[in-house]
Amino acid sequence: MTVELQNEEKAKVVTVRVSGKLSKKDYEAFVPEIERQMERHGKVRILFDMHDFHGWELGAAWEDLKFGVKHFKDVERLAMVGEKTWEKWMSSFCKPFTRAEVRYYDRSEAEAAKAWIEG
């Protein structure tokens, strides 16, 4: 599993690049950084970039649900970039759990996702 976080200090954008399968330990690493950005900027925008992604372990799925409930109003935009049909479905599934505007982009549209999340 690989998780890479990238912050855009001037913008309130956090990029989370994931591959493999997300674990609870991964959430313990990147959630505090996202929360620091929320403290700094209020609402944030998240670019969730999935490459060779295999989903969530059970503990990670629970952490994801807790994050969504806790920060229901704190994410302004969520762009999900992926490669698989189920990832597109996942972007639709998460919409009721956030006030964020959520959009899915295919890997070939990664630049459009970045432009939208920063715009």
Protein backbone atom coordinates (compact mmCIF):
# COMPACT_ATOMS: atom_id res chain seq x y z
CA MET A 1 0.00 0.00 0.00
CA THR A 2 1.24 3.44 -0.89
CA VAL A 3 -0.27 6.72 0.27
CA GLU A 4 1.26 9.99 -0.82
CA LEU A 5 0.01 13.32 0.50
CA GLN A 6 0.64 16.61 -1.20
CA ASN A 7 -0.46 20.00 0.15
CA GLU A 8 -0.94 23.12 -1.86
CA GLU A 9 -0.33 25.80 0.78
CA LYS A 10 -1.75 28.71 -1.21
CA ALA A 11 -4.83 26.80 -2.21
CA LYS A 12 -6.79 24.69 0.19
CA VAL A 13 -6.12 21.54 -1.82
CA VAL A 14 -4.92 18.23 -0.41
CA THR A 15 -3.92 15.54 -2.91
CA VAL A 16 -4.05 11.96 -1.66
CA ARG A 17 -2.51 9.42 -4.05
CA VAL A 18 -3.26 5.81 -3.19
CA SER A 19 -2.41 2.41 -4.59
CA GLY A 20 -2.85 -1.09 -3.22
CA LYS A 21 -5.27 -1.52 -0.32
CA LEU A 22 -5.89 1.19 2.30
CA SER A 23 -5.37 0.17 5.93
CA LYS A 24 -6.34 1.76 9.24
CA LYS A 25 -2.66 2.70 9.68
CA ASP A 26 -2.80 4.66 6.39
CA TYR A 27 -5.71 6.71 7.75
CA GLU A 28 -3.78 7.38 10.94
CA ALA A 29 -1.04 8.85 8.74
CA PHE A 30 -2.99 11.10 6.39
CA VAL A 31 -6.15 12.13 8.28
CA PRO A 32 -4.26 14.34 10.78
CA GLU A 33 -2.67 16.23 7.88
CA ILE A 34 -6.06 16.80 6.24
CA GLU A 35 -7.41 18.00 9.59
CA ARG A 36 -4.47 20.44 9.93
CA GLN A 37 -5.40 21.85 6.52
CA MET A 38 -9.01 22.20 7.70
CA GLU A 39 -7.84 24.15 10.74
CA ARG A 40 -5.72 26.37 8.49
CA HIS A 41 -8.20 26.96 5.67
CA GLY A 42 -11.65 25.96 6.91
CA LYS A 43 -13.14 23.93 4.08
CA VAL A 44 -10.66 21.99 1.98
CA ARG A 45 -10.67 20.40 -1.45
CA ILE A 46 -9.42 16.84 -1.83
CA LEU A 47 -8.03 15.22 -4.96
CA PHE A 48 -8.19 11.46 -4.32
CA ASP A 49 -6.01 9.86 -6.98
CA MET A 50 -6.33 6.07 -7.24
CA HIS A 51 -3.80 4.05 -9.24
CA ASP A 52 -3.81 0.25 -9.08
CA PHE A 53 -6.14 0.69 -6.09
CA HIS A 54 -7.69 -2.37 -4.43
CA GLY A 55 -10.03 -0.77 -1.90
CA TRP A 56 -10.12 -0.68 1.86
CA GLU A 57 -9.38 -3.16 4.60
CA LEU A 58 -12.23 -3.40 7.12
CA GLY A 59 -10.50 -1.14 9.66
CA ALA A 60 -9.79 1.45 6.97
CA ALA A 61 -13.42 1.39 5.78
CA TRP A 62 -14.49 2.17 9.36
CA GLU A 63 -11.96 5.04 9.56
CA ASP A 64 -13.28 6.39 6.25
CA LEU A 65 -16.86 6.34 7.55
CA LYS A 66 -15.82 8.10 10.78
CA PHE A 67 -13.94 10.75 8.78
CA GLY A 68 -16.99 11.34 6.58
CA VAL A 69 -19.32 11.76 9.56
CA LYS A 70 -16.92 14.01 11.48
CA HIS A 71 -16.11 16.22 8.48
CA PHE A 72 -19.48 16.13 6.69
CA LYS A 73 -19.34 19.93 6.07
CA ASP A 74 -15.56 20.46 5.95
CA VAL A 75 -14.81 19.27 2.41
CA GLU A 76 -15.83 21.70 -0.31
CA ARG A 77 -14.89 19.61 -3.36
CA LEU A 78 -13.80 16.02 -3.84
CA ALA A 79 -12.32 14.92 -7.14
CA MET A 80 -11.75 11.19 -7.51
CA VAL A 81 -9.43 10.02 -10.29
CA GLY A 82 -9.44 6.32 -11.06
CA GLU A 83 -9.17 3.51 -13.55
CA LYS A 84 -11.97 1.09 -12.72
CA THR A 85 -15.75 1.01 -12.99
CA TRP A 86 -16.18 0.30 -9.28
CA GLU A 87 -14.17 3.44 -8.44
CA LYS A 88 -16.63 5.52 -10.46
CA TRP A 89 -19.47 3.82 -8.60
CA MET A 90 -17.71 4.62 -5.32
CA SER A 91 -17.77 8.34 -6.12
CA SER A 92 -21.57 8.17 -6.43
CA PHE A 93 -21.88 6.09 -3.27
CA CYS A 94 -20.05 8.66 -1.12
CA LYS A 95 -22.19 11.65 -2.13
CA PRO A 96 -24.81 11.23 0.65
CA PHE A 97 -22.04 11.23 3.26
CA THR A 98 -20.64 14.67 2.46
CA ARG A 99 -21.73 18.17 1.54
CA ALA A 100 -18.82 18.32 -0.89
CA GLU A 101 -19.36 18.52 -4.59
CA VAL A 102 -18.06 15.14 -5.76
CA ARG A 103 -16.84 14.38 -9.28
CA TYR A 104 -15.23 11.30 -10.77
CA TYR A 105 -12.59 11.51 -13.49
CA ASP A 106 -11.05 8.71 -15.51
CA ARG A 107 -7.23 8.52 -15.42
CA SER A 108 -7.16 10.09 -18.93
CA GLU A 109 -8.91 13.17 -17.44
CA ALA A 110 -6.48 13.70 -14.54
CA GLU A 111 -5.52 17.21 -15.68
CA ALA A 112 -9.19 18.22 -15.83
CA ALA A 113 -9.65 16.90 -12.27
CA LYS A 114 -6.69 18.95 -11.07
CA ALA A 115 -8.01 22.08 -12.80
CA TRP A 116 -11.48 21.61 -11.28
CA ILE A 117 -10.23 20.96 -7.77
CA GLU A 118 -7.99 24.05 -7.89
CA GLY A 119 -10.55 26.28 -9.69
